[in-house]
Amino acid sequence: MGRSVPTTFVILDAQSVKNTETAQQKGYDDGKKISGIKRHLAVDINGFPQAIYITTANVSERRGATTLLTLNPDQFRLVKRVMADGGYTGKNFAQVVQSLIGAEVVIAKQHDLRHGQVTPQRWVIERSFSWLDKCRRLWWNCERYLRTSHVMVALAFIAILLRRC
């Protein structure tokens, strides 16, 4: 069997998703004004997931990304650069990423976005989130538990990858 080729470039972001009545685990994201869960993703340059981590919406992007990197160290052993948006700013986050996986953090700043100076790679993760939004079951979080939400996101990406083969 062929082995997957590890990537040297990863893009991080998080997406807040509203909950339905059946969901037991939820939090409130003040920035987005959403009560629900947060999907933390690390994708390669093609938009395919390297790691997925689901939390309640009240977990910050930095804390979720730190846990995502901590739980999946083998996925990131060859990564040299991590690109993220302004929600991941801070010297502490860059130092944590450096100590966990030995990678440099590149932040796409908001003022760069207004002037159209952002690198095209930054939009790769947004495309990955839009792929998930094509799965009707993932429009809202219908699952009772976070682990079930994680499985549903993983299954959605598997279906996307199978369609592309």
Protein backbone atom coordinates (compact mmCIF):
# COMPACT_ATOMS: atom_id res chain seq x y z
CA MET A 1 0.00 0.00 0.00
CA GLY A 2 1.16 3.56 -0.70
CA ARG A 3 2.01 5.84 2.18
CA SER A 4 0.73 9.37 2.41
CA VAL A 5 3.37 12.01 1.83
CA PRO A 6 3.66 14.33 4.85
CA THR A 7 3.27 18.01 4.12
CA THR A 8 5.74 20.75 5.02
CA PHE A 9 3.06 23.45 5.03
CA VAL A 10 -0.16 23.47 7.09
CA ILE A 11 -3.01 25.96 7.35
CA LEU A 12 -4.99 26.27 10.61
CA ASP A 13 -8.43 27.70 11.23
CA ALA A 14 -11.61 27.11 13.20
CA GLN A 15 -15.29 27.25 12.28
CA SER A 16 -18.11 27.83 14.75
CA VAL A 17 -21.28 25.84 14.06
CA LYS A 18 -24.71 26.25 15.64
CA ASN A 19 -26.21 23.40 17.65
CA THR A 20 -29.63 21.82 17.34
CA GLU A 21 -31.80 20.98 20.34
CA THR A 22 -30.39 17.44 20.63
CA ALA A 23 -26.77 18.49 21.20
CA GLN A 24 -25.64 18.11 24.80
CA GLN A 25 -22.18 19.66 24.60
CA LYS A 26 -22.13 23.30 23.57
CA GLY A 27 -20.51 26.60 24.36
CA TYR A 28 -20.95 30.22 23.29
CA ASP A 29 -18.57 31.89 20.83
CA ASP A 30 -18.66 35.60 21.71
CA GLY A 31 -16.91 36.68 18.54
CA LYS A 32 -19.36 34.98 16.18
CA LYS A 33 -22.39 35.13 18.54
CA ILE A 34 -22.98 31.40 18.08
CA SER A 35 -23.98 28.80 20.64
CA GLY A 36 -22.62 25.45 19.53
CA ILE A 37 -19.35 23.76 18.68
CA LYS A 38 -16.09 24.75 17.01
CA ARG A 39 -14.33 22.69 14.33
CA HIS A 40 -10.56 23.13 14.39
CA LEU A 41 -8.86 22.02 11.17
CA ALA A 42 -5.31 21.72 9.94
CA VAL A 43 -5.18 21.22 6.17
CA ASP A 44 -2.41 20.77 3.63
CA ILE A 45 -1.89 22.99 0.60
CA ASN A 46 -4.60 21.06 -1.31
CA GLY A 47 -7.19 21.58 1.42
CA PHE A 48 -7.18 17.99 2.61
CA PRO A 49 -7.31 17.49 6.38
CA GLN A 50 -4.17 16.66 8.33
CA ALA A 51 -5.94 16.83 11.70
CA ILE A 52 -9.45 17.54 13.01
CA TYR A 53 -10.38 18.56 16.54
CA ILE A 54 -13.89 19.41 17.76
CA THR A 55 -14.55 21.51 20.87
CA THR A 56 -17.36 23.52 22.35
CA ALA A 57 -17.64 27.00 20.80
CA ASN A 58 -16.27 28.79 23.88
CA VAL A 59 -12.77 27.30 23.37
CA SER A 60 -10.41 29.86 21.83
CA GLU A 61 -8.81 29.25 18.45
CA ARG A 62 -5.31 29.25 19.97
CA ARG A 63 -6.19 26.74 22.68
CA GLY A 64 -7.99 24.47 20.21
CA ALA A 65 -5.08 24.60 17.76
CA THR A 66 -2.58 23.87 20.53
CA THR A 67 -4.56 20.79 21.55
CA LEU A 68 -4.93 19.73 17.90
CA LEU A 69 -1.15 19.88 17.45
CA THR A 70 -0.54 18.12 20.77
CA LEU A 71 -2.90 15.23 19.97
CA ASN A 72 -1.47 14.63 16.48
CA PRO A 73 2.33 15.04 16.72
CA ASP A 74 3.12 12.41 14.06
CA GLN A 75 1.01 14.23 11.47
CA PHE A 76 3.15 17.35 11.83
CA ARG A 77 6.67 15.97 12.18
CA LEU A 78 7.81 17.35 8.78
CA VAL A 79 5.84 20.62 8.93
CA LYS A 80 8.05 23.71 8.70
CA ARG A 81 5.44 26.46 8.38
CA VAL A 82 1.95 26.94 9.86
CA MET A 83 -0.29 29.61 8.32
CA ALA A 84 -3.22 31.01 10.31
CA ASP A 85 -5.44 34.08 10.55
CA GLY A 86 -5.48 36.87 13.13
CA GLY A 87 -7.21 34.70 15.74
CA TYR A 88 -3.90 32.95 16.32
CA THR A 89 -1.73 36.01 16.96
CA GLY A 90 0.52 36.15 19.94
CA LYS A 91 4.10 35.34 20.77
CA ASN A 92 3.00 32.61 23.16
CA PHE A 93 1.15 30.70 20.41
CA ALA A 94 4.13 30.93 18.05
CA GLN A 95 6.43 29.67 20.81
CA VAL A 96 4.08 26.79 21.64
CA VAL A 97 3.93 25.73 17.98
CA GLN A 98 7.72 25.98 17.74
CA SER A 99 8.16 23.80 20.82
CA LEU A 100 5.48 21.24 19.83
CA ILE A 101 6.30 20.66 16.16
CA GLY A 102 9.28 22.93 15.40
CA ALA A 103 7.41 25.04 12.84
CA GLU A 104 7.27 28.76 12.15
CA VAL A 105 3.86 30.49 12.43
CA VAL A 106 2.81 32.90 9.65
CA ILE A 107 -0.20 35.11 10.41
CA ALA A 108 -2.40 36.58 7.64
CA LYS A 109 -3.21 39.94 9.22
CA GLN A 110 -6.58 41.69 8.80
CA HIS A 111 -5.10 44.86 7.25
CA ASP A 112 -3.41 42.68 4.59
CA LEU A 113 -6.79 41.15 3.80
CA ARG A 114 -8.33 44.59 3.17
CA HIS A 115 -5.62 45.57 0.70
CA GLY A 116 -5.65 42.25 -1.14
CA GLN A 117 -2.10 41.38 -0.10
CA VAL A 118 -2.88 38.02 1.48
CA THR A 119 -1.22 34.94 0.06
CA PRO A 120 -3.52 32.64 -1.93
CA GLN A 121 -2.74 29.70 0.37
CA ARG A 122 -4.73 31.36 3.15
CA TRP A 123 -7.99 30.71 1.30
CA VAL A 124 -7.36 26.96 1.02
CA ILE A 125 -8.84 26.31 4.46
CA GLU A 126 -11.92 28.37 3.63
CA ARG A 127 -12.45 26.11 0.62
CA SER A 128 -12.17 23.08 2.92
CA PHE A 129 -14.88 24.53 5.18
CA SER A 130 -17.07 25.15 2.13
CA TRP A 131 -16.64 21.48 1.15
CA LEU A 132 -17.98 20.57 4.59
CA ASP A 133 -20.89 22.98 4.14
CA LYS A 134 -22.00 21.00 1.09
CA CYS A 135 -22.82 18.14 3.46
CA ARG A 136 -26.30 18.97 4.72
CA ARG A 137 -25.85 17.09 7.98
CA LEU A 138 -22.93 19.40 8.89
CA TRP A 139 -24.81 22.69 8.40
CA TRP A 140 -25.76 22.49 12.08
CA ASN A 141 -24.33 20.28 14.77
CA CYS A 142 -27.00 17.60 15.26
CA GLU A 143 -24.85 15.27 17.35
CA ARG A 144 -25.14 14.77 21.10
CA TYR A 145 -21.41 14.30 21.67
CA LEU A 146 -18.28 15.98 20.34
CA ARG A 147 -16.72 12.66 19.34
CA THR A 148 -19.71 11.93 17.09
CA SER A 149 -19.30 15.35 15.46
CA HIS A 150 -15.64 14.50 14.87
CA VAL A 151 -16.61 11.25 13.15
CA MET A 152 -19.17 13.02 10.93
CA VAL A 153 -16.56 15.57 9.78
CA ALA A 154 -14.07 12.78 9.09
CA LEU A 155 -16.70 10.84 7.10
CA ALA A 156 -17.51 13.95 5.07
CA PHE A 157 -13.85 14.37 4.14
CA ILE A 158 -13.59 10.67 3.27
CA ALA A 159 -16.56 11.04 0.92
CA ILE A 160 -14.93 14.12 -0.67
CA LEU A 161 -11.65 12.27 -1.17
CA LEU A 162 -13.40 9.21 -2.64
CA ARG A 163 -15.26 11.35 -5.17
CA ARG A 164 -11.95 12.84 -6.32
CA CYS A 165 -10.30 9.45 -7.00
